[in-house]
Amino acid sequence: MAELTLIIGNKNYSSWSLRPWLVLKQIGVEFAEVRIPLYGATTRQEILRYSAAGKVPILQHGNITIWESLAICEYLAETFPDANLWPEEKATRAIARSISNEMHAGFSHVRSQMPMNMRARFPRKEISPEVKAESDRIFTIWRDTRQQFGAGGKFLFGHFTIADAMFAPVVSRFLTYNVPLDATVQDYVETIWTLPSLQEWRVAAEAETESLPKFEL
């Protein structure tokens, strides 16, 4: 099989890069990694070498180039069907895709007011009504999905799926900003946060030297 190469941004800040990276690690596929620090003088030019979209992440597989995190994850699900990156049953798979796309397209206030910063821990402060509403929706997704489909494991659908990868950066955000969590939500947060693959990413994020003031609240 042709070599896989994943082009990513800073591990400390790039939530979109984390998602397909985590999927690749979880399924145990070997891949090369190219890290391009974001918001630098030459960042866009460097990314354009790999994709005309000008954004990370980007996956190269032989002569195929896939950009955008969820599209990459879908490609990996097709390329490695034995990894079971989506639930097997059609209706359950539809739910998994729905919540993954909801995460992909929504929760703009959580994204903007709580940017990902893997190595930071900020004191708890009052969150805006918009962030609270979006956080509550995320908590509901996690509780309901695990209750309905999580038998046999601690992930949203029992075993690890793309849906878990899509929510992994939010897990990091809730820890960074010390968001109050009930016991059920805390259990899922710990399930994702203690993944060896996610901890590998975290250690690398802490070793990065770049500091972007816009994400250092």
N, C-alpha and C. Protein backbone atom coordinates (compact mmCIF):
# COMPACT_ATOMS: atom_id res chain seq x y z
N MET A 1 0.84 -1.20 0.00
CA MET A 1 0.00 0.00 0.00
C MET A 1 0.87 1.24 0.00
N ALA A 2 0.44 2.25 -0.75
CA ALA A 2 1.18 3.51 -0.79
C ALA A 2 1.23 4.14 0.59
N GLU A 3 2.30 4.89 0.82
CA GLU A 3 2.48 5.52 2.12
C GLU A 3 1.44 6.61 2.36
N LEU A 4 0.99 6.67 3.58
CA LEU A 4 0.09 7.73 4.02
C LEU A 4 0.91 8.86 4.64
N THR A 5 0.59 10.09 4.28
CA THR A 5 1.22 11.26 4.88
C THR A 5 0.14 12.21 5.34
N LEU A 6 0.21 12.60 6.60
CA LEU A 6 -0.77 13.53 7.16
C LEU A 6 -0.08 14.86 7.45
N ILE A 7 -0.61 15.92 6.85
CA ILE A 7 -0.08 17.27 7.08
C ILE A 7 -0.97 17.94 8.12
N ILE A 8 -0.36 18.41 9.20
CA ILE A 8 -1.10 18.96 10.32
C ILE A 8 -0.54 20.32 10.72
N GLY A 9 -1.26 21.00 11.62
CA GLY A 9 -0.78 22.24 12.21
C GLY A 9 -0.17 22.00 13.57
N ASN A 10 -0.07 23.04 14.38
CA ASN A 10 0.46 22.91 15.73
C ASN A 10 -0.39 21.92 16.53
N LYS A 11 0.27 21.02 17.23
CA LYS A 11 -0.50 20.06 18.03
C LYS A 11 -1.15 20.73 19.23
N ASN A 12 -0.60 21.82 19.69
CA ASN A 12 -1.21 22.49 20.83
C ASN A 12 -2.52 23.17 20.48
N TYR A 13 -2.66 23.63 19.26
CA TYR A 13 -3.79 24.48 18.90
C TYR A 13 -4.73 23.91 17.83
N SER A 14 -4.25 23.02 16.99
CA SER A 14 -5.01 22.64 15.80
C SER A 14 -5.98 21.49 16.09
N SER A 15 -7.19 21.84 16.46
CA SER A 15 -8.21 20.83 16.76
C SER A 15 -8.56 20.00 15.54
N TRP A 16 -8.60 20.64 14.38
CA TRP A 16 -8.95 19.91 13.16
C TRP A 16 -7.89 18.87 12.82
N SER A 17 -6.62 19.19 13.08
CA SER A 17 -5.55 18.24 12.79
C SER A 17 -5.62 17.02 13.70
N LEU A 18 -6.03 17.23 14.95
CA LEU A 18 -6.07 16.13 15.91
C LEU A 18 -6.99 15.01 15.46
N ARG A 19 -8.10 15.34 14.85
CA ARG A 19 -9.13 14.33 14.57
C ARG A 19 -8.63 13.19 13.67
N PRO A 20 -8.16 13.46 12.45
CA PRO A 20 -7.70 12.34 11.63
C PRO A 20 -6.43 11.71 12.16
N TRP A 21 -5.57 12.49 12.82
CA TRP A 21 -4.36 11.93 13.43
C TRP A 21 -4.74 10.88 14.46
N LEU A 22 -5.74 11.19 15.28
CA LEU A 22 -6.20 10.25 16.30
C LEU A 22 -6.77 8.99 15.67
N VAL A 23 -7.52 9.14 14.59
CA VAL A 23 -8.07 7.97 13.91
C VAL A 23 -6.95 7.07 13.40
N LEU A 24 -5.96 7.66 12.76
CA LEU A 24 -4.84 6.88 12.25
C LEU A 24 -4.12 6.13 13.37
N LYS A 25 -3.90 6.80 14.47
CA LYS A 25 -3.24 6.17 15.61
C LYS A 25 -4.08 5.05 16.20
N GLN A 26 -5.37 5.28 16.32
CA GLN A 26 -6.25 4.29 16.94
C GLN A 26 -6.35 3.01 16.12
N ILE A 27 -6.26 3.14 14.81
CA ILE A 27 -6.37 1.93 13.98
C ILE A 27 -5.00 1.31 13.71
N GLY A 28 -3.95 1.95 14.21
CA GLY A 28 -2.61 1.37 14.12
C GLY A 28 -1.98 1.39 12.75
N VAL A 29 -2.32 2.39 11.96
CA VAL A 29 -1.79 2.50 10.61
C VAL A 29 -0.52 3.36 10.63
N GLU A 30 0.51 2.90 9.98
CA GLU A 30 1.73 3.70 9.89
C GLU A 30 1.52 4.86 8.92
N PHE A 31 2.02 6.03 9.30
CA PHE A 31 1.90 7.18 8.42
C PHE A 31 3.02 8.16 8.73
N ALA A 32 3.38 8.93 7.70
CA ALA A 32 4.34 10.01 7.88
C ALA A 32 3.58 11.26 8.32
N GLU A 33 4.26 12.11 9.05
CA GLU A 33 3.64 13.32 9.60
C GLU A 33 4.44 14.55 9.19
N VAL A 34 3.75 15.54 8.67
CA VAL A 34 4.36 16.83 8.34
C VAL A 34 3.64 17.88 9.16
N ARG A 35 4.38 18.58 10.03
CA ARG A 35 3.78 19.60 10.89
C ARG A 35 4.16 20.98 10.37
N ILE A 36 3.14 21.80 10.12
CA ILE A 36 3.34 23.17 9.65
C ILE A 36 2.77 24.11 10.71
N PRO A 37 3.62 24.84 11.43
CA PRO A 37 3.11 25.77 12.44
C PRO A 37 2.17 26.80 11.82
N LEU A 38 1.06 27.06 12.49
CA LEU A 38 0.03 27.94 11.95
C LEU A 38 0.34 29.40 12.23
N TYR A 39 -0.27 30.27 11.41
CA TYR A 39 -0.23 31.72 11.58
C TYR A 39 1.19 32.30 11.50
N GLY A 40 2.06 31.62 10.78
CA GLY A 40 3.39 32.14 10.54
C GLY A 40 3.46 32.88 9.21
N ALA A 41 4.58 33.52 8.96
CA ALA A 41 4.74 34.31 7.73
C ALA A 41 4.66 33.46 6.49
N THR A 42 5.09 32.20 6.57
CA THR A 42 5.12 31.33 5.39
C THR A 42 4.13 30.17 5.48
N THR A 43 3.25 30.21 6.49
CA THR A 43 2.35 29.07 6.71
C THR A 43 1.51 28.75 5.50
N ARG A 44 0.85 29.74 4.95
CA ARG A 44 -0.06 29.47 3.83
C ARG A 44 0.70 28.93 2.62
N GLN A 45 1.85 29.50 2.33
CA GLN A 45 2.63 29.02 1.19
C GLN A 45 3.06 27.56 1.39
N GLU A 46 3.42 27.21 2.62
CA GLU A 46 3.82 25.83 2.88
C GLU A 46 2.64 24.88 2.72
N ILE A 47 1.46 25.28 3.23
CA ILE A 47 0.30 24.41 3.10
C ILE A 47 -0.13 24.26 1.65
N LEU A 48 -0.01 25.33 0.87
CA LEU A 48 -0.41 25.28 -0.54
C LEU A 48 0.43 24.30 -1.35
N ARG A 49 1.57 23.92 -0.85
CA ARG A 49 2.37 22.89 -1.51
C ARG A 49 1.64 21.56 -1.53
N TYR A 50 0.72 21.38 -0.59
CA TYR A 50 0.04 20.10 -0.45
C TYR A 50 -1.42 20.15 -0.90
N SER A 51 -2.07 21.31 -0.76
CA SER A 51 -3.49 21.42 -1.13
C SER A 51 -3.83 22.86 -1.47
N ALA A 52 -4.59 23.02 -2.55
CA ALA A 52 -5.02 24.36 -2.96
C ALA A 52 -6.02 24.97 -1.99
N ALA A 53 -6.59 24.15 -1.09
CA ALA A 53 -7.52 24.69 -0.10
C ALA A 53 -6.80 25.57 0.91
N GLY A 54 -5.52 25.34 1.10
CA GLY A 54 -4.72 26.20 1.97
C GLY A 54 -4.96 26.00 3.45
N LYS A 55 -5.52 24.85 3.83
CA LYS A 55 -5.79 24.58 5.24
C LYS A 55 -5.37 23.17 5.60
N VAL A 56 -5.04 22.97 6.87
CA VAL A 56 -4.76 21.64 7.38
C VAL A 56 -6.00 21.14 8.15
N PRO A 57 -6.15 19.83 8.26
CA PRO A 57 -5.24 18.76 7.87
C PRO A 57 -5.42 18.36 6.40
N ILE A 58 -4.40 17.67 5.91
CA ILE A 58 -4.41 17.13 4.56
C ILE A 58 -3.84 15.72 4.63
N LEU A 59 -4.48 14.79 3.95
CA LEU A 59 -3.96 13.43 3.87
C LEU A 59 -3.54 13.14 2.44
N GLN A 60 -2.32 12.66 2.27
CA GLN A 60 -1.85 12.19 0.97
C GLN A 60 -1.70 10.67 1.04
N HIS A 61 -2.25 10.01 0.05
CA HIS A 61 -2.17 8.55 -0.04
C HIS A 61 -1.83 8.21 -1.48
N GLY A 62 -0.55 7.97 -1.73
CA GLY A 62 -0.12 7.80 -3.11
C GLY A 62 -0.37 9.08 -3.89
N ASN A 63 -1.11 8.97 -4.98
CA ASN A 63 -1.42 10.15 -5.78
C ASN A 63 -2.77 10.78 -5.43
N ILE A 64 -3.35 10.35 -4.30
CA ILE A 64 -4.63 10.88 -3.84
C ILE A 64 -4.38 11.89 -2.73
N THR A 65 -5.04 13.03 -2.82
CA THR A 65 -4.98 14.05 -1.78
C THR A 65 -6.38 14.30 -1.25
N ILE A 66 -6.52 14.22 0.07
CA ILE A 66 -7.81 14.47 0.71
C ILE A 66 -7.60 15.57 1.74
N TRP A 67 -8.43 16.57 1.71
CA TRP A 67 -8.34 17.65 2.69
C TRP A 67 -9.65 17.73 3.45
N GLU A 68 -9.58 18.37 4.63
CA GLU A 68 -10.74 18.54 5.50
C GLU A 68 -10.90 17.29 6.37
N SER A 69 -10.99 17.54 7.68
CA SER A 69 -10.85 16.45 8.65
C SER A 69 -11.87 15.34 8.50
N LEU A 70 -13.15 15.68 8.37
CA LEU A 70 -14.16 14.63 8.30
C LEU A 70 -14.06 13.85 7.00
N ALA A 71 -13.71 14.52 5.91
CA ALA A 71 -13.51 13.82 4.64
C ALA A 71 -12.35 12.84 4.75
N ILE A 72 -11.30 13.23 5.45
CA ILE A 72 -10.16 12.33 5.66
C ILE A 72 -10.61 11.11 6.46
N CYS A 73 -11.36 11.33 7.52
CA CYS A 73 -11.84 10.22 8.33
C CYS A 73 -12.73 9.27 7.52
N GLU A 74 -13.59 9.83 6.69
CA GLU A 74 -14.43 8.99 5.84
C GLU A 74 -13.57 8.16 4.87
N TYR A 75 -12.54 8.79 4.34
CA TYR A 75 -11.64 8.07 3.43
C TYR A 75 -10.95 6.92 4.15
N LEU A 76 -10.53 7.16 5.38
CA LEU A 76 -9.88 6.11 6.15
C LEU A 76 -10.85 4.98 6.46
N ALA A 77 -12.11 5.32 6.74
CA ALA A 77 -13.12 4.29 6.99
C ALA A 77 -13.31 3.39 5.78
N GLU A 78 -13.26 3.97 4.59
CA GLU A 78 -13.40 3.19 3.35
C GLU A 78 -12.13 2.39 3.05
N THR A 79 -10.99 2.97 3.35
CA THR A 79 -9.72 2.33 3.02
C THR A 79 -9.39 1.19 3.97
N PHE A 80 -9.83 1.33 5.22
CA PHE A 80 -9.54 0.32 6.23
C PHE A 80 -10.85 -0.17 6.86
N PRO A 81 -11.66 -0.91 6.10
CA PRO A 81 -12.98 -1.31 6.58
C PRO A 81 -12.94 -2.18 7.84
N ASP A 82 -11.87 -2.94 8.02
CA ASP A 82 -11.77 -3.81 9.18
C ASP A 82 -11.60 -3.03 10.48
N ALA A 83 -11.29 -1.74 10.38
CA ALA A 83 -11.11 -0.92 11.58
C ALA A 83 -12.45 -0.54 12.22
N ASN A 84 -13.54 -0.74 11.50
CA ASN A 84 -14.89 -0.46 12.03
C ASN A 84 -15.00 0.97 12.57
N LEU A 85 -14.60 1.91 11.76
CA LEU A 85 -14.61 3.30 12.19
C LEU A 85 -16.00 3.90 12.26
N TRP A 86 -16.97 3.24 11.68
CA TRP A 86 -18.38 3.57 11.86
C TRP A 86 -19.10 2.35 12.41
N PRO A 87 -20.21 2.53 13.15
CA PRO A 87 -20.98 1.37 13.61
C PRO A 87 -21.45 0.52 12.43
N GLU A 88 -21.58 -0.77 12.66
CA GLU A 88 -21.93 -1.69 11.58
C GLU A 88 -23.39 -1.55 11.15
N GLU A 89 -24.29 -1.36 12.10
CA GLU A 89 -25.72 -1.32 11.78
C GLU A 89 -26.08 0.02 11.14
N LYS A 90 -26.88 -0.04 10.08
CA LYS A 90 -27.13 1.14 9.24
C LYS A 90 -27.72 2.31 10.01
N ALA A 91 -28.76 2.05 10.82
CA ALA A 91 -29.42 3.14 11.54
C ALA A 91 -28.48 3.75 12.58
N THR A 92 -27.71 2.91 13.25
CA THR A 92 -26.75 3.40 14.24
C THR A 92 -25.65 4.20 13.55
N ARG A 93 -25.23 3.71 12.40
CA ARG A 93 -24.20 4.43 11.63
C ARG A 93 -24.71 5.82 11.22
N ALA A 94 -25.99 5.91 10.91
CA ALA A 94 -26.56 7.21 10.55
C ALA A 94 -26.51 8.18 11.72
N ILE A 95 -26.75 7.67 12.93
CA ILE A 95 -26.66 8.52 14.12
C ILE A 95 -25.22 8.97 14.32
N ALA A 96 -24.29 8.06 14.16
CA ALA A 96 -22.88 8.40 14.34
C ALA A 96 -22.45 9.48 13.35
N ARG A 97 -22.90 9.36 12.13
CA ARG A 97 -22.56 10.38 11.12
C ARG A 97 -23.25 11.70 11.46
N SER A 98 -24.46 11.63 11.96
CA SER A 98 -25.19 12.85 12.27
C SER A 98 -24.51 13.65 13.37
N ILE A 99 -24.11 12.99 14.46
CA ILE A 99 -23.48 13.73 15.54
C ILE A 99 -22.07 14.18 15.15
N SER A 100 -21.42 13.41 14.29
CA SER A 100 -20.09 13.83 13.81
C SER A 100 -20.21 15.09 12.96
N ASN A 101 -21.20 15.13 12.10
CA ASN A 101 -21.41 16.32 11.28
C ASN A 101 -21.91 17.50 12.10
N GLU A 102 -22.72 17.22 13.12
CA GLU A 102 -23.15 18.31 14.00
C GLU A 102 -21.94 18.94 14.69
N MET A 103 -21.01 18.11 15.13
CA MET A 103 -19.79 18.64 15.74
C MET A 103 -18.97 19.41 14.72
N HIS A 104 -18.90 18.88 13.53
CA HIS A 104 -18.10 19.48 12.47
C HIS A 104 -18.62 20.86 12.08
N ALA A 105 -19.92 21.01 12.03
CA ALA A 105 -20.51 22.23 11.50
C ALA A 105 -20.96 23.21 12.56
N GLY A 106 -21.10 22.75 13.80
CA GLY A 106 -21.73 23.59 14.81
C GLY A 106 -20.83 23.99 15.96
N PHE A 107 -21.48 24.42 17.05
CA PHE A 107 -20.81 24.77 18.30
C PHE A 107 -19.78 25.88 18.11
N SER A 108 -20.18 26.91 17.39
CA SER A 108 -19.26 28.00 17.05
C SER A 108 -18.84 28.80 18.28
N HIS A 109 -19.71 28.90 19.28
CA HIS A 109 -19.35 29.67 20.48
C HIS A 109 -18.33 28.92 21.33
N VAL A 110 -18.48 27.61 21.43
CA VAL A 110 -17.47 26.82 22.13
C VAL A 110 -16.13 26.95 21.43
N ARG A 111 -16.13 26.90 20.11
CA ARG A 111 -14.89 27.01 19.36
C ARG A 111 -14.22 28.37 19.58
N SER A 112 -15.01 29.44 19.47
CA SER A 112 -14.42 30.77 19.48
C SER A 112 -14.07 31.25 20.89
N GLN A 113 -14.89 30.87 21.87
CA GLN A 113 -14.66 31.35 23.23
C GLN A 113 -13.78 30.41 24.06
N MET A 114 -13.62 29.18 23.58
CA MET A 114 -12.75 28.23 24.26
C MET A 114 -11.84 27.55 23.25
N PRO A 115 -10.93 28.30 22.62
CA PRO A 115 -10.05 27.70 21.61
C PRO A 115 -9.20 26.59 22.22
N MET A 116 -8.86 25.59 21.41
CA MET A 116 -8.07 24.48 21.92
C MET A 116 -6.68 24.95 22.30
N ASN A 117 -6.26 24.55 23.48
CA ASN A 117 -4.92 24.85 23.97
C ASN A 117 -4.55 23.69 24.89
N MET A 118 -3.90 22.68 24.31
CA MET A 118 -3.69 21.42 25.02
C MET A 118 -2.85 21.57 26.28
N ARG A 119 -1.90 22.49 26.28
CA ARG A 119 -0.97 22.56 27.41
C ARG A 119 -1.40 23.55 28.49
N ALA A 120 -2.52 24.23 28.30
CA ALA A 120 -2.95 25.25 29.25
C ALA A 120 -4.05 24.73 30.16
N ARG A 121 -4.12 25.30 31.36
CA ARG A 121 -5.24 25.09 32.27
C ARG A 121 -5.61 26.46 32.83
N PHE A 122 -6.80 26.95 32.47
CA PHE A 122 -7.23 28.27 32.89
C PHE A 122 -8.20 28.15 34.07
N PRO A 123 -8.16 29.11 34.99
CA PRO A 123 -9.10 29.06 36.13
C PRO A 123 -10.54 29.08 35.64
N ARG A 124 -11.39 28.40 36.38
CA ARG A 124 -12.80 28.36 36.01
C ARG A 124 -13.41 29.77 36.11
N LYS A 125 -14.15 30.14 35.10
CA LYS A 125 -14.85 31.41 35.14
C LYS A 125 -16.24 31.21 34.56
N GLU A 126 -17.08 32.19 34.77
CA GLU A 126 -18.45 32.08 34.26
C GLU A 126 -18.44 32.03 32.74
N ILE A 127 -19.16 31.08 32.18
CA ILE A 127 -19.22 30.97 30.73
C ILE A 127 -20.46 31.68 30.22
N SER A 128 -20.42 32.08 28.97
CA SER A 128 -21.52 32.82 28.38
C SER A 128 -22.74 31.91 28.21
N PRO A 129 -23.93 32.48 28.11
CA PRO A 129 -25.13 31.66 27.88
C PRO A 129 -25.02 30.84 26.60
N GLU A 130 -24.36 31.40 25.58
CA GLU A 130 -24.22 30.67 24.30
C GLU A 130 -23.33 29.44 24.46
N VAL A 131 -22.22 29.62 25.17
CA VAL A 131 -21.33 28.48 25.41
C VAL A 131 -22.01 27.43 26.29
N LYS A 132 -22.75 27.88 27.28
CA LYS A 132 -23.46 26.93 28.15
C LYS A 132 -24.48 26.12 27.35
N ALA A 133 -25.22 26.78 26.48
CA ALA A 133 -26.22 26.08 25.67
C ALA A 133 -25.55 25.04 24.77
N GLU A 134 -24.45 25.42 24.14
CA GLU A 134 -23.76 24.48 23.26
C GLU A 134 -23.11 23.35 24.05
N SER A 135 -22.55 23.66 25.22
CA SER A 135 -21.96 22.62 26.06
C SER A 135 -23.02 21.64 26.52
N ASP A 136 -24.17 22.15 26.92
CA ASP A 136 -25.26 21.28 27.35
C ASP A 136 -25.70 20.35 26.22
N ARG A 137 -25.71 20.86 25.00
CA ARG A 137 -26.08 20.01 23.86
C ARG A 137 -25.03 18.91 23.67
N ILE A 138 -23.76 19.25 23.80
CA ILE A 138 -22.71 18.24 23.68
C ILE A 138 -22.86 17.18 24.77
N PHE A 139 -23.11 17.62 26.00
CA PHE A 139 -23.30 16.67 27.09
C PHE A 139 -24.47 15.74 26.80
N THR A 140 -25.55 16.29 26.27
CA THR A 140 -26.72 15.46 25.94
C THR A 140 -26.38 14.43 24.88
N ILE A 141 -25.64 14.84 23.86
CA ILE A 141 -25.22 13.89 22.82
C ILE A 141 -24.43 12.75 23.45
N TRP A 142 -23.47 13.08 24.29
CA TRP A 142 -22.64 12.05 24.90
C TRP A 142 -23.46 11.10 25.78
N ARG A 143 -24.31 11.67 26.63
CA ARG A 143 -25.11 10.82 27.52
C ARG A 143 -26.04 9.90 26.74
N ASP A 144 -26.81 10.50 25.81
CA ASP A 144 -27.80 9.73 25.07
C ASP A 144 -27.16 8.67 24.19
N THR A 145 -26.07 9.03 23.54
CA THR A 145 -25.43 8.08 22.62
C THR A 145 -24.84 6.90 23.39
N ARG A 146 -24.15 7.18 24.48
CA ARG A 146 -23.58 6.08 25.26
C ARG A 146 -24.68 5.19 25.85
N GLN A 147 -25.76 5.81 26.29
CA GLN A 147 -26.85 5.03 26.87
C GLN A 147 -27.50 4.12 25.83
N GLN A 148 -27.70 4.64 24.63
CA GLN A 148 -28.40 3.87 23.61
C GLN A 148 -27.50 2.90 22.85
N PHE A 149 -26.25 3.30 22.61
CA PHE A 149 -25.40 2.53 21.70
C PHE A 149 -24.06 2.11 22.29
N GLY A 150 -23.79 2.48 23.53
CA GLY A 150 -22.44 2.28 24.07
C GLY A 150 -22.21 0.98 24.80
N ALA A 151 -23.14 0.04 24.73
CA ALA A 151 -22.95 -1.23 25.43
C ALA A 151 -21.70 -1.94 24.92
N GLY A 152 -20.95 -2.49 25.84
CA GLY A 152 -19.77 -3.24 25.44
C GLY A 152 -18.49 -2.43 25.41
N GLY A 153 -18.58 -1.16 25.78
CA GLY A 153 -17.37 -0.34 25.80
C GLY A 153 -17.68 1.02 26.41
N LYS A 154 -16.66 1.88 26.46
CA LYS A 154 -16.81 3.17 27.11
C LYS A 154 -16.86 4.33 26.12
N PHE A 155 -16.83 4.01 24.84
CA PHE A 155 -16.91 5.06 23.82
C PHE A 155 -18.37 5.33 23.48
N LEU A 156 -18.60 6.28 22.57
CA LEU A 156 -19.97 6.66 22.25
C LEU A 156 -20.77 5.50 21.68
N PHE A 157 -20.11 4.67 20.88
CA PHE A 157 -20.79 3.53 20.26
C PHE A 157 -20.14 2.21 20.70
N GLY A 158 -19.68 2.18 21.93
CA GLY A 158 -19.04 0.99 22.46
C GLY A 158 -17.56 0.97 22.14
N HIS A 159 -17.21 0.74 20.87
CA HIS A 159 -15.82 0.79 20.44
C HIS A 159 -15.50 2.16 19.85
N PHE A 160 -14.24 2.45 19.67
CA PHE A 160 -13.82 3.74 19.13
C PHE A 160 -14.32 3.91 17.70
N THR A 161 -14.91 5.08 17.41
CA THR A 161 -15.36 5.41 16.07
C THR A 161 -14.92 6.82 15.71
N ILE A 162 -15.21 7.20 14.50
CA ILE A 162 -14.92 8.57 14.05
C ILE A 162 -15.63 9.59 14.92
N ALA A 163 -16.80 9.25 15.42
CA ALA A 163 -17.53 10.18 16.29
C ALA A 163 -16.70 10.56 17.50
N ASP A 164 -16.00 9.60 18.09
CA ASP A 164 -15.14 9.90 19.23
C ASP A 164 -14.00 10.83 18.84
N ALA A 165 -13.45 10.60 17.66
CA ALA A 165 -12.37 11.47 17.19
C ALA A 165 -12.87 12.89 16.96
N MET A 166 -14.08 13.03 16.47
CA MET A 166 -14.62 14.36 16.21
C MET A 166 -14.82 15.15 17.50
N PHE A 167 -15.15 14.46 18.60
CA PHE A 167 -15.37 15.16 19.86
C PHE A 167 -14.12 15.27 20.72
N ALA A 168 -13.03 14.63 20.34
CA ALA A 168 -11.82 14.65 21.16
C ALA A 168 -11.31 16.05 21.46
N PRO A 169 -11.27 16.99 20.49
CA PRO A 169 -10.82 18.34 20.83
C PRO A 169 -11.72 19.04 21.84
N VAL A 170 -13.01 18.70 21.85
CA VAL A 170 -13.91 19.31 22.82
C VAL A 170 -13.61 18.80 24.22
N VAL A 171 -13.26 17.53 24.32
CA VAL A 171 -12.80 16.99 25.60
C VAL A 171 -11.64 17.82 26.13
N SER A 172 -10.69 18.09 25.26
CA SER A 172 -9.53 18.91 25.65
C SER A 172 -9.97 20.30 26.10
N ARG A 173 -10.88 20.89 25.37
CA ARG A 173 -11.36 22.23 25.72
C ARG A 173 -12.01 22.25 27.10
N PHE A 174 -12.86 21.28 27.38
CA PHE A 174 -13.55 21.26 28.66
C PHE A 174 -12.56 21.14 29.82
N LEU A 175 -11.46 20.43 29.61
CA LEU A 175 -10.43 20.33 30.64
C LEU A 175 -9.62 21.62 30.75
N THR A 176 -9.28 22.20 29.61
CA THR A 176 -8.49 23.43 29.61
C THR A 176 -9.20 24.55 30.35
N TYR A 177 -10.51 24.66 30.13
CA TYR A 177 -11.27 25.77 30.69
C TYR A 177 -12.05 25.38 31.95
N ASN A 178 -11.75 24.18 32.46
CA ASN A 178 -12.28 23.76 33.76
C ASN A 178 -13.81 23.84 33.79
N VAL A 179 -14.43 23.33 32.74
CA VAL A 179 -15.90 23.35 32.64
C VAL A 179 -16.49 22.30 33.60
N PRO A 180 -17.50 22.65 34.39
CA PRO A 180 -18.11 21.68 35.30
C PRO A 180 -18.72 20.51 34.54
N LEU A 181 -18.46 19.29 35.02
CA LEU A 181 -18.94 18.09 34.36
C LEU A 181 -19.62 17.20 35.38
N ASP A 182 -20.74 16.60 34.99
CA ASP A 182 -21.35 15.64 35.90
C ASP A 182 -20.62 14.30 35.77
N ALA A 183 -20.99 13.33 36.60
CA ALA A 183 -20.24 12.08 36.67
C ALA A 183 -20.25 11.32 35.34
N THR A 184 -21.38 11.31 34.66
CA THR A 184 -21.49 10.57 33.40
C THR A 184 -20.62 11.21 32.33
N VAL A 185 -20.68 12.52 32.22
CA VAL A 185 -19.86 13.22 31.24
C VAL A 185 -18.39 13.09 31.60
N GLN A 186 -18.06 13.21 32.88
CA GLN A 186 -16.68 13.07 33.33
C GLN A 186 -16.11 11.71 32.95
N ASP A 187 -16.92 10.68 33.04
CA ASP A 187 -16.46 9.33 32.68
C ASP A 187 -16.08 9.26 31.21
N TYR A 188 -16.89 9.87 30.35
CA TYR A 188 -16.54 9.87 28.93
C TYR A 188 -15.31 10.73 28.66
N VAL A 189 -15.22 11.87 29.31
CA VAL A 189 -14.04 12.73 29.16
C VAL A 189 -12.77 11.96 29.52
N GLU A 190 -12.81 11.21 30.61
CA GLU A 190 -11.64 10.44 31.02
C GLU A 190 -11.34 9.31 30.04
N THR A 191 -12.38 8.73 29.46
CA THR A 191 -12.18 7.68 28.46
C THR A 191 -11.36 8.20 27.28
N ILE A 192 -11.71 9.38 26.79
CA ILE A 192 -11.01 9.96 25.65
C ILE A 192 -9.64 10.51 26.06
N TRP A 193 -9.61 11.23 27.17
CA TRP A 193 -8.37 11.91 27.58
C TRP A 193 -7.25 10.92 27.91
N THR A 194 -7.59 9.75 28.44
CA THR A 194 -6.56 8.80 28.83
C THR A 194 -6.14 7.85 27.70
N LEU A 195 -6.69 8.03 26.51
CA LEU A 195 -6.23 7.22 25.39
C LEU A 195 -4.73 7.43 25.21
N PRO A 196 -3.94 6.37 25.09
CA PRO A 196 -2.50 6.54 24.87
C PRO A 196 -2.19 7.41 23.66
N SER A 197 -2.98 7.27 22.62
CA SER A 197 -2.74 8.08 21.43
C SER A 197 -2.96 9.56 21.70
N LEU A 198 -4.01 9.91 22.46
CA LEU A 198 -4.25 11.31 22.77
C LEU A 198 -3.17 11.85 23.71
N GLN A 199 -2.71 11.02 24.62
CA GLN A 199 -1.63 11.46 25.50
C GLN A 199 -0.32 11.64 24.73
N GLU A 200 -0.11 10.85 23.71
CA GLU A 200 1.05 11.05 22.84
C GLU A 200 0.98 12.41 22.16
N TRP A 201 -0.20 12.76 21.67
CA TRP A 201 -0.40 14.09 21.06
C TRP A 201 -0.16 15.19 22.08
N ARG A 202 -0.70 15.01 23.30
CA ARG A 202 -0.55 16.02 24.35
C ARG A 202 0.92 16.27 24.69
N VAL A 203 1.68 15.20 24.84
CA VAL A 203 3.11 15.35 25.17
C VAL A 203 3.82 16.13 24.07
N ALA A 204 3.50 15.83 22.83
CA ALA A 204 4.11 16.57 21.72
C ALA A 204 3.67 18.02 21.72
N ALA A 205 2.41 18.27 22.06
CA ALA A 205 1.91 19.65 22.13
C ALA A 205 2.65 20.44 23.18
N GLU A 206 2.90 19.83 24.33
CA GLU A 206 3.60 20.52 25.41
C GLU A 206 5.05 20.82 25.05
N ALA A 207 5.62 20.04 24.14
CA ALA A 207 7.01 20.24 23.75
C ALA A 207 7.16 21.32 22.66
N GLU A 208 6.05 21.73 22.06
CA GLU A 208 6.14 22.76 21.01
C GLU A 208 6.58 24.10 21.61
N THR A 209 7.28 24.86 20.81
CA THR A 209 7.79 26.15 21.29
C THR A 209 6.96 27.32 20.82
N GLU A 210 6.07 27.13 19.85
CA GLU A 210 5.27 28.24 19.35
C GLU A 210 4.22 28.65 20.40
N SER A 211 4.01 29.95 20.51
CA SER A 211 2.96 30.47 21.38
C SER A 211 2.16 31.49 20.59
N LEU A 212 0.86 31.24 20.45
CA LEU A 212 -0.01 32.11 19.67
C LEU A 212 -0.89 32.89 20.64
N PRO A 213 -0.67 34.18 20.79
CA PRO A 213 -1.40 34.98 21.78
C PRO A 213 -2.91 34.88 21.66
N LYS A 214 -3.44 34.72 20.44
CA LYS A 214 -4.88 34.68 20.26
C LYS A 214 -5.51 33.46 20.96
N PHE A 215 -4.70 32.45 21.25
CA PHE A 215 -5.20 31.25 21.92
C PHE A 215 -4.74 31.16 23.37
N GLU A 216 -3.98 32.15 23.81
CA GLU A 216 -3.50 32.15 25.20
C GLU A 216 -4.31 33.20 25.97
N LEU A 217 -5.50 32.82 26.37
CA LEU A 217 -6.42 33.77 26.98
C LEU A 217 -5.91 34.27 28.31
